C-alpha cells in the first residue's frame, strides 16, 4: 500500500470520527443510482455514502459536509484541519 493511500485512509478515518463527534451517524450502503449525502431521519442526522464510492470522492463528501460546521472549539488533528480549510 502506498504512502499516499495510507494518508488518505488515515484522513478518512479521522473525518469519520469528527463527523461522529458532531452527532452525524455514518452509513456505507449500496445506493445503486442514488447519490451519497446528508439526511435527517426521525431527528437523527445521517451521512450515507455509497459503498462503490472511491476514496477521493469520500474525502470530498466529508470535506463538503464538515467544512460547513463550526469546528473552532473542537480539537482536530492538524492534517484534518488543513484538509478542511484548503480551497
PDB file of N, CA and C in Angstrom:
ATOM      1  N   UNK A   1       0.848  -1.175   0.000  1.00  0.00           N
ATOM      2  CA  UNK A   1       0.000   0.000   0.000  1.00  0.00           C
ATOM      3  C   UNK A   1       0.897   1.243   0.000  1.00  0.00           C
ATOM      4  N   UNK A   2       0.604   2.172  -0.872  1.00  0.00           N
ATOM      5  CA  UNK A   2       1.438   3.361  -0.999  1.00  0.00           C
ATOM      6  C   UNK A   2       1.247   4.292   0.198  1.00  0.00           C
ATOM      7  N   UNK A   3       2.237   5.139   0.401  1.00  0.00           N
ATOM      8  CA  UNK A   3       2.176   6.111   1.490  1.00  0.00           C
ATOM      9  C   UNK A   3       1.019   7.096   1.284  1.00  0.00           C
ATOM     10  N   UNK A   4       0.777   7.470   0.040  1.00  0.00           N
ATOM     11  CA  UNK A   4      -0.315   8.394  -0.264  1.00  0.00           C
ATOM     12  C   UNK A   4      -1.672   7.776   0.083  1.00  0.00           C
ATOM     13  N   UNK A   5      -1.856   6.506  -0.259  1.00  0.00           N
ATOM     14  CA  UNK A   5      -3.104   5.820   0.060  1.00  0.00           C
ATOM     15  C   UNK A   5      -3.264   5.680   1.575  1.00  0.00           C
ATOM     16  N   UNK A   6      -2.188   5.380   2.275  1.00  0.00           N
ATOM     17  CA  UNK A   6      -2.232   5.279   3.736  1.00  0.00           C
ATOM     18  C   UNK A   6      -2.658   6.608   4.355  1.00  0.00           C
ATOM     19  N   UNK A   7      -2.148   7.711   3.817  1.00  0.00           N
ATOM     20  CA  UNK A   7      -2.501   9.047   4.311  1.00  0.00           C
ATOM     21  C   UNK A   7      -3.993   9.312   4.081  1.00  0.00           C
ATOM     22  N   UNK A   8      -4.497   8.929   2.914  1.00  0.00           N
ATOM     23  CA  UNK A   8      -5.913   9.140   2.606  1.00  0.00           C
ATOM     24  C   UNK A   8      -6.804   8.308   3.525  1.00  0.00           C
ATOM     25  N   UNK A   9      -6.404   7.079   3.793  1.00  0.00           N
ATOM     26  CA  UNK A   9      -7.182   6.212   4.683  1.00  0.00           C
ATOM     27  C   UNK A   9      -7.196   6.789   6.096  1.00  0.00           C
ATOM     28  N   UNK A  10      -6.038   7.251   6.567  1.00  0.00           N
ATOM     29  CA  UNK A  10      -5.957   7.890   7.888  1.00  0.00           C
ATOM     30  C   UNK A  10      -6.867   9.115   7.939  1.00  0.00           C
ATOM     31  N   UNK A  11      -6.797   9.945   6.926  1.00  0.00           N
ATOM     32  CA  UNK A  11      -7.608  11.156   6.860  1.00  0.00           C
ATOM     33  C   UNK A  11      -9.096  10.812   6.862  1.00  0.00           C
ATOM     34  N   UNK A  12      -9.486   9.813   6.102  1.00  0.00           N
ATOM     35  CA  UNK A  12     -10.884   9.387   6.054  1.00  0.00           C
ATOM     36  C   UNK A  12     -11.349   8.928   7.431  1.00  0.00           C
ATOM     37  N   UNK A  13     -10.547   8.140   8.119  1.00  0.00           N
ATOM     38  CA  UNK A  13     -10.909   7.667   9.463  1.00  0.00           C
ATOM     39  C   UNK A  13     -11.064   8.838  10.429  1.00  0.00           C
ATOM     40  N   UNK A  14     -10.173   9.809  10.342  1.00  0.00           N
ATOM     41  CA  UNK A  14     -10.265  10.986  11.212  1.00  0.00           C
ATOM     42  C   UNK A  14     -11.514  11.812  10.896  1.00  0.00           C
ATOM     43  N   UNK A  15     -11.865  11.922   9.630  1.00  0.00           N
ATOM     44  CA  UNK A  15     -13.073  12.647   9.233  1.00  0.00           C
ATOM     45  C   UNK A  15     -14.323  11.923   9.717  1.00  0.00           C
ATOM     46  N   UNK A  16     -14.311  10.599   9.652  1.00  0.00           N
ATOM     47  CA  UNK A  16     -15.426   9.812  10.178  1.00  0.00           C
ATOM     48  C   UNK A  16     -15.593  10.051  11.676  1.00  0.00           C
ATOM     49  N   UNK A  17     -14.479  10.040  12.410  1.00  0.00           N
ATOM     50  CA  UNK A  17     -14.531  10.289  13.855  1.00  0.00           C
ATOM     51  C   UNK A  17     -15.056  11.687  14.160  1.00  0.00           C
ATOM     52  N   UNK A  18     -14.605  12.666  13.410  1.00  0.00           N
ATOM     53  CA  UNK A  18     -15.060  14.037  13.596  1.00  0.00           C
ATOM     54  C   UNK A  18     -16.563  14.141  13.351  1.00  0.00           C
ATOM     55  N   UNK A  19     -17.040  13.534  12.287  1.00  0.00           N
ATOM     56  CA  UNK A  19     -18.470  13.560  11.984  1.00  0.00           C
ATOM     57  C   UNK A  19     -19.268  12.930  13.124  1.00  0.00           C
ATOM     58  N   UNK A  20     -18.785  11.819  13.646  1.00  0.00           N
ATOM     59  CA  UNK A  20     -19.482  11.158  14.742  1.00  0.00           C
ATOM     60  C   UNK A  20     -19.487  12.032  16.001  1.00  0.00           C
ATOM     61  N   UNK A  21     -18.380  12.731  16.245  1.00  0.00           N
ATOM     62  CA  UNK A  21     -18.328  13.647  17.389  1.00  0.00           C
ATOM     63  C   UNK A  21     -19.337  14.775  17.246  1.00  0.00           C
ATOM     64  N   UNK A  22     -19.674  15.118  16.016  1.00  0.00           N
ATOM     65  CA  UNK A  22     -20.664  16.166  15.746  1.00  0.00           C
ATOM     66  C   UNK A  22     -22.092  15.607  15.708  1.00  0.00           C
ATOM     67  N   UNK A  23     -22.241  14.322  15.990  1.00  0.00           N
ATOM     68  CA  UNK A  23     -23.561  13.722  16.031  1.00  0.00           C
ATOM     69  C   UNK A  23     -24.069  13.202  14.700  1.00  0.00           C
ATOM     70  N   UNK A  24     -23.182  13.089  13.743  1.00  0.00           N
ATOM     71  CA  UNK A  24     -23.565  12.572  12.426  1.00  0.00           C
ATOM     72  C   UNK A  24     -23.263  11.082  12.383  1.00  0.00           C
ATOM     73  N   UNK A  25     -24.288  10.296  12.121  1.00  0.00           N
ATOM     74  CA  UNK A  25     -24.104   8.855  12.001  1.00  0.00           C
ATOM     75  C   UNK A  25     -23.743   8.532  10.552  1.00  0.00           C
ATOM     76  N   UNK A  26     -22.730   7.705  10.386  1.00  0.00           N
ATOM     77  CA  UNK A  26     -22.228   7.400   9.051  1.00  0.00           C
ATOM     78  C   UNK A  26     -22.660   5.997   8.651  1.00  0.00           C
ATOM     79  N   UNK A  27     -23.199   5.910   7.456  1.00  0.00           N
ATOM     80  CA  UNK A  27     -23.635   4.619   6.918  1.00  0.00           C
ATOM     81  C   UNK A  27     -23.029   4.450   5.532  1.00  0.00           C
ATOM     82  N   UNK A  28     -22.423   3.308   5.306  1.00  0.00           N
ATOM     83  CA  UNK A  28     -21.952   2.940   3.975  1.00  0.00           C
ATOM     84  C   UNK A  28     -22.937   1.899   3.438  1.00  0.00           C
ATOM     85  N   UNK A  29     -23.614   2.263   2.363  1.00  0.00           N
ATOM     86  CA  UNK A  29     -24.651   1.405   1.785  1.00  0.00           C
ATOM     87  C   UNK A  29     -24.503   1.386   0.268  1.00  0.00           C
ATOM     88  N   UNK A  30     -24.943   0.302  -0.340  1.00  0.00           N
ATOM     89  CA  UNK A  30     -25.016   0.262  -1.796  1.00  0.00           C
ATOM     90  C   UNK A  30     -26.228   1.087  -2.211  1.00  0.00           C
ATOM     91  N   UNK A  31     -26.021   2.134  -2.990  1.00  0.00           N
ATOM     92  CA  UNK A  31     -27.095   3.067  -3.316  1.00  0.00           C
ATOM     93  C   UNK A  31     -27.593   2.952  -4.760  1.00  0.00           C
ATOM     94  N   UNK A  32     -27.028   2.083  -5.529  1.00  0.00           N
ATOM     95  CA  UNK A  32     -27.435   1.922  -6.937  1.00  0.00           C
ATOM     96  C   UNK A  32     -27.355   3.264  -7.650  1.00  0.00           C
ATOM     97  N   UNK A  33     -28.494   3.868  -7.995  1.00  0.00           N
ATOM     98  CA  UNK A  33     -28.495   5.125  -8.741  1.00  0.00           C
ATOM     99  C   UNK A  33     -28.620   6.368  -7.858  1.00  0.00           C
ATOM    100  N   UNK A  34     -28.779   6.192  -6.557  1.00  0.00           N
ATOM    101  CA  UNK A  34     -28.905   7.333  -5.645  1.00  0.00           C
ATOM    102  C   UNK A  34     -27.527   7.919  -5.348  1.00  0.00           C
ATOM    103  N   UNK A  35     -27.510   9.176  -4.882  1.00  0.00           N
ATOM    104  CA  UNK A  35     -26.250   9.844  -4.569  1.00  0.00           C
ATOM    105  C   UNK A  35     -25.998   9.825  -3.068  1.00  0.00           C
ATOM    106  N   UNK A  36     -24.728   9.840  -2.700  1.00  0.00           N
ATOM    107  CA  UNK A  36     -24.337   9.953  -1.303  1.00  0.00           C
ATOM    108  C   UNK A  36     -24.715  11.333  -0.791  1.00  0.00           C
ATOM    109  N   UNK A  37     -24.985  11.414   0.513  1.00  0.00           N
ATOM    110  CA  UNK A  37     -25.288  12.723   1.072  1.00  0.00           C
ATOM    111  C   UNK A  37     -25.800  12.665   2.489  1.00  0.00           C
ATOM    112  N   UNK A  38     -26.112  13.836   2.994  1.00  0.00           N
ATOM    113  CA  UNK A  38     -26.580  14.025   4.353  1.00  0.00           C
ATOM    114  C   UNK A  38     -28.097  13.992   4.368  1.00  0.00           C
ATOM    115  N   UNK A  39     -28.664  13.342   5.379  1.00  0.00           N
ATOM    116  CA  UNK A  39     -30.114  13.366   5.529  1.00  0.00           C
ATOM    117  C   UNK A  39     -30.464  13.308   7.011  1.00  0.00           C
ATOM    118  N   UNK A  40     -31.643  13.775   7.319  1.00  0.00           N
ATOM    119  CA  UNK A  40     -32.144  13.727   8.686  1.00  0.00           C
ATOM    120  C   UNK A  40     -33.373  12.836   8.684  1.00  0.00           C
ATOM    121  N   UNK A  41     -33.359  11.843   9.567  1.00  0.00           N
ATOM    122  CA  UNK A  41     -34.452  10.891   9.650  1.00  0.00           C
ATOM    123  C   UNK A  41     -34.803  10.697  11.118  1.00  0.00           C
ATOM    124  N   UNK A  42     -36.030  11.016  11.457  1.00  0.00           N
ATOM    125  CA  UNK A  42     -36.518  10.889  12.840  1.00  0.00           C
ATOM    126  C   UNK A  42     -35.603  11.613  13.823  1.00  0.00           C
ATOM    127  N   UNK A  43     -35.168  12.803  13.424  1.00  0.00           N
ATOM    128  CA  UNK A  43     -34.352  13.642  14.294  1.00  0.00           C
ATOM    129  C   UNK A  43     -32.875  13.294  14.369  1.00  0.00           C
ATOM    130  N   UNK A  44     -32.449  12.282  13.665  1.00  0.00           N
ATOM    131  CA  UNK A  44     -31.036  11.907  13.645  1.00  0.00           C
ATOM    132  C   UNK A  44     -30.435  12.267  12.295  1.00  0.00           C
ATOM    133  N   UNK A  45     -29.191  12.726  12.333  1.00  0.00           N
ATOM    134  CA  UNK A  45     -28.501  13.113  11.110  1.00  0.00           C
ATOM    135  C   UNK A  45     -27.625  11.956  10.639  1.00  0.00           C
ATOM    136  N   UNK A  46     -27.771  11.610   9.367  1.00  0.00           N
ATOM    137  CA  UNK A  46     -27.017  10.526   8.759  1.00  0.00           C
ATOM    138  C   UNK A  46     -26.241  11.046   7.555  1.00  0.00           C
ATOM    139  N   UNK A  47     -25.033  10.557   7.424  1.00  0.00           N
ATOM    140  CA  UNK A  47     -24.275  10.743   6.193  1.00  0.00           C
ATOM    141  C   UNK A  47     -24.212   9.371   5.546  1.00  0.00           C
ATOM    142  N   UNK A  48     -24.893   9.244   4.425  1.00  0.00           N
ATOM    143  CA  UNK A  48     -24.967   7.959   3.736  1.00  0.00           C
ATOM    144  C   UNK A  48     -24.074   8.026   2.506  1.00  0.00           C
ATOM    145  N   UNK A  49     -23.149   7.081   2.438  1.00  0.00           N
ATOM    146  CA  UNK A  49     -22.164   7.071   1.363  1.00  0.00           C
ATOM    147  C   UNK A  49     -22.239   5.728   0.644  1.00  0.00           C
ATOM    148  N   UNK A  50     -22.281   5.783  -0.660  1.00  0.00           N
ATOM    149  CA  UNK A  50     -22.324   4.577  -1.477  1.00  0.00           C
ATOM    150  C   UNK A  50     -21.035   3.775  -1.283  1.00  0.00           C
ATOM    151  N   UNK A  51     -21.181   2.479  -1.112  1.00  0.00           N
ATOM    152  CA  UNK A  51     -20.016   1.614  -0.927  1.00  0.00           C
ATOM    153  C   UNK A  51     -19.110   1.590  -2.156  1.00  0.00           C
ATOM    154  N   UNK A  52     -19.646   1.977  -3.310  1.00  0.00           N
ATOM    155  CA  UNK A  52     -18.872   1.980  -4.550  1.00  0.00           C
ATOM    156  C   UNK A  52     -18.034   3.252  -4.723  1.00  0.00           C
ATOM    157  N   UNK A  53     -18.176   4.203  -3.800  1.00  0.00           N
ATOM    158  CA  UNK A  53     -17.504   5.497  -3.914  1.00  0.00           C
ATOM    159  C   UNK A  53     -16.003   5.347  -3.686  1.00  0.00           C
ATOM    160  N   UNK A  54     -15.218   5.963  -4.559  1.00  0.00           N
ATOM    161  CA  UNK A  54     -13.758   5.935  -4.436  1.00  0.00           C
ATOM    162  C   UNK A  54     -13.324   6.814  -3.271  1.00  0.00           C
ATOM    163  N   UNK A  55     -12.146   6.539  -2.727  1.00  0.00           N
ATOM    164  CA  UNK A  55     -11.687   7.229  -1.524  1.00  0.00           C
ATOM    165  C   UNK A  55     -11.570   8.743  -1.730  1.00  0.00           C
ATOM    166  N   UNK A  56     -11.118   9.192  -2.887  1.00  0.00           N
ATOM    167  CA  UNK A  56     -11.015  10.631  -3.129  1.00  0.00           C
ATOM    168  C   UNK A  56     -12.393  11.295  -3.088  1.00  0.00           C
ATOM    169  N   UNK A  57     -13.389  10.596  -3.600  1.00  0.00           N
ATOM    170  CA  UNK A  57     -14.749  11.134  -3.572  1.00  0.00           C
ATOM    171  C   UNK A  57     -15.324  11.106  -2.160  1.00  0.00           C
ATOM    172  N   UNK A  58     -14.988  10.081  -1.384  1.00  0.00           N
ATOM    173  CA  UNK A  58     -15.413  10.032   0.019  1.00  0.00           C
ATOM    174  C   UNK A  58     -14.830  11.226   0.776  1.00  0.00           C
ATOM    175  N   UNK A  59     -13.563  11.492   0.547  1.00  0.00           N
ATOM    176  CA  UNK A  59     -12.919  12.633   1.208  1.00  0.00           C
ATOM    177  C   UNK A  59     -13.614  13.933   0.825  1.00  0.00           C
ATOM    178  N   UNK A  60     -13.963  14.069  -0.443  1.00  0.00           N
ATOM    179  CA  UNK A  60     -14.644  15.284  -0.909  1.00  0.00           C
ATOM    180  C   UNK A  60     -16.023  15.427  -0.259  1.00  0.00           C
ATOM    181  N   UNK A  61     -16.735  14.318  -0.084  1.00  0.00           N
ATOM    182  CA  UNK A  61     -18.050  14.363   0.567  1.00  0.00           C
ATOM    183  C   UNK A  61     -17.903  14.844   2.005  1.00  0.00           C
ATOM    184  N   UNK A  62     -16.960  14.260   2.741  1.00  0.00           N
ATOM    185  CA  UNK A  62     -16.738  14.680   4.120  1.00  0.00           C
ATOM    186  C   UNK A  62     -16.318  16.144   4.187  1.00  0.00           C
ATOM    187  N   UNK A  63     -15.450  16.553   3.277  1.00  0.00           N
ATOM    188  CA  UNK A  63     -14.998  17.948   3.267  1.00  0.00           C
ATOM    189  C   UNK A  63     -16.173  18.888   3.033  1.00  0.00           C
ATOM    190  N   UNK A  64     -17.015  18.568   2.100  1.00  0.00           N
ATOM    191  CA  UNK A  64     -18.180  19.387   1.790  1.00  0.00           C
ATOM    192  C   UNK A  64     -19.095  19.524   3.010  1.00  0.00           C
ATOM    193  N   UNK A  65     -19.338  18.445   3.709  1.00  0.00           N
ATOM    194  CA  UNK A  65     -20.234  18.442   4.865  1.00  0.00           C
ATOM    195  C   UNK A  65     -19.576  19.123   6.071  1.00  0.00           C
ATOM    196  N   UNK A  66     -18.363  18.708   6.408  1.00  0.00           N
ATOM    197  CA  UNK A  66     -17.736  19.156   7.653  1.00  0.00           C
ATOM    198  C   UNK A  66     -17.181  20.573   7.591  1.00  0.00           C
ATOM    199  N   UNK A  67     -16.817  21.039   6.408  1.00  0.00           N
ATOM    200  CA  UNK A  67     -16.270  22.398   6.314  1.00  0.00           C
ATOM    201  C   UNK A  67     -17.336  23.457   6.582  1.00  0.00           C
ATOM    202  N   UNK A  68     -18.607  23.068   6.577  1.00  0.00           N
ATOM    203  CA  UNK A  68     -19.699  23.994   6.874  1.00  0.00           C
ATOM    204  C   UNK A  68     -20.005  24.082   8.374  1.00  0.00           C
ATOM    205  N   UNK A  69     -19.413  23.187   9.149  1.00  0.00           N
ATOM    206  CA  UNK A  69     -19.660  23.145  10.590  1.00  0.00           C
ATOM    207  C   UNK A  69     -18.723  24.094  11.328  1.00  0.00           C
ATOM    208  N   UNK A  70     -19.179  24.570  12.501  1.00  0.00           N
ATOM    209  CA  UNK A  70     -18.324  25.384  13.362  1.00  0.00           C
ATOM    210  C   UNK A  70     -17.416  24.434  14.142  1.00  0.00           C
ATOM    211  N   UNK A  71     -16.166  24.401  13.779  1.00  0.00           N
ATOM    212  CA  UNK A  71     -15.206  23.486  14.390  1.00  0.00           C
ATOM    213  C   UNK A  71     -14.193  24.209  15.265  1.00  0.00           C
ATOM    214  N   UNK A  72     -14.460  25.475  15.561  1.00  0.00           N
ATOM    215  CA  UNK A  72     -13.482  26.290  16.270  1.00  0.00           C
ATOM    216  C   UNK A  72     -13.212  25.814  17.696  1.00  0.00           C
ATOM    217  N   UNK A  73     -14.164  25.157  18.337  1.00  0.00           N
ATOM    218  CA  UNK A  73     -13.987  24.723  19.726  1.00  0.00           C
ATOM    219  C   UNK A  73     -13.749  23.221  19.847  1.00  0.00           C
ATOM    220  N   UNK A  74     -13.397  22.583  18.746  1.00  0.00           N
ATOM    221  CA  UNK A  74     -13.170  21.143  18.742  1.00  0.00           C
ATOM    222  C   UNK A  74     -11.721  20.882  18.356  1.00  0.00           C
ATOM    223  N   UNK A  75     -11.059  20.006  19.134  1.00  0.00           N
ATOM    224  CA  UNK A  75      -9.705  19.643  18.738  1.00  0.00           C
ATOM    225  C   UNK A  75      -9.783  18.753  17.500  1.00  0.00           C
ATOM    226  N   UNK A  76      -9.023  19.151  16.513  1.00  0.00           N
ATOM    227  CA  UNK A  76      -8.938  18.392  15.266  1.00  0.00           C
ATOM    228  C   UNK A  76      -7.454  18.255  14.935  1.00  0.00           C
ATOM    229  N   UNK A  77      -7.009  17.057  14.603  1.00  0.00           N
ATOM    230  CA  UNK A  77      -5.604  16.906  14.213  1.00  0.00           C
ATOM    231  C   UNK A  77      -5.254  17.893  13.086  1.00  0.00           C
ATOM    232  N   UNK A  78      -4.064  18.464  13.146  1.00  0.00           N
ATOM    233  CA  UNK A  78      -3.675  19.479  12.150  1.00  0.00           C
ATOM    234  C   UNK A  78      -3.879  19.051  10.698  1.00  0.00           C
ATOM    235  N   UNK A  79      -3.592  17.806  10.372  1.00  0.00           N
ATOM    236  CA  UNK A  79      -3.752  17.353   8.984  1.00  0.00           C
ATOM    237  C   UNK A  79      -5.218  17.431   8.553  1.00  0.00           C
ATOM    238  N   UNK A  80      -6.136  17.180   9.475  1.00  0.00           N
ATOM    239  CA  UNK A  80      -7.562  17.229   9.174  1.00  0.00           C
ATOM    240  C   UNK A  80      -8.018  18.679   9.034  1.00  0.00           C
ATOM    241  N   UNK A  81      -7.586  19.516   9.961  1.00  0.00           N
ATOM    242  CA  UNK A  81      -7.956  20.942   9.894  1.00  0.00           C
ATOM    243  C   UNK A  81      -7.440  21.561   8.600  1.00  0.00           C
ATOM    244  N   UNK A  82      -6.219  21.222   8.216  1.00  0.00           N
ATOM    245  CA  UNK A  82      -5.648  21.739   6.970  1.00  0.00           C
ATOM    246  C   UNK A  82      -6.461  21.262   5.766  1.00  0.00           C
ATOM    247  N   UNK A  83      -6.826  19.994   5.772  1.00  0.00           N
ATOM    248  CA  UNK A  83      -7.617  19.428   4.675  1.00  0.00           C
ATOM    249  C   UNK A  83      -8.961  20.147   4.544  1.00  0.00           C
ATOM    250  N   UNK A  84      -9.617  20.401   5.665  1.00  0.00           N
ATOM    251  CA  UNK A  84     -10.933  21.046   5.637  1.00  0.00           C
ATOM    252  C   UNK A  84     -10.864  22.513   5.244  1.00  0.00           C
ATOM    253  N   UNK A  85      -9.747  23.164   5.536  1.00  0.00           N
ATOM    254  CA  UNK A  85      -9.656  24.602   5.284  1.00  0.00           C
ATOM    255  C   UNK A  85      -9.091  24.963   3.908  1.00  0.00           C
ATOM    256  N   UNK A  86      -8.440  24.012   3.247  1.00  0.00           N
ATOM    257  CA  UNK A  86      -7.853  24.361   1.940  1.00  0.00           C
ATOM    258  C   UNK A  86      -8.920  24.318   0.847  1.00  0.00           C
ATOM    259  N   UNK A  87      -8.793  25.255  -0.099  1.00  0.00           N
ATOM    260  CA  UNK A  87      -9.664  25.516  -1.202  1.00  0.00           C
ATOM    261  C   UNK A  87     -10.455  24.414  -1.735  1.00  0.00           C
TER     262      UNK A  87
END
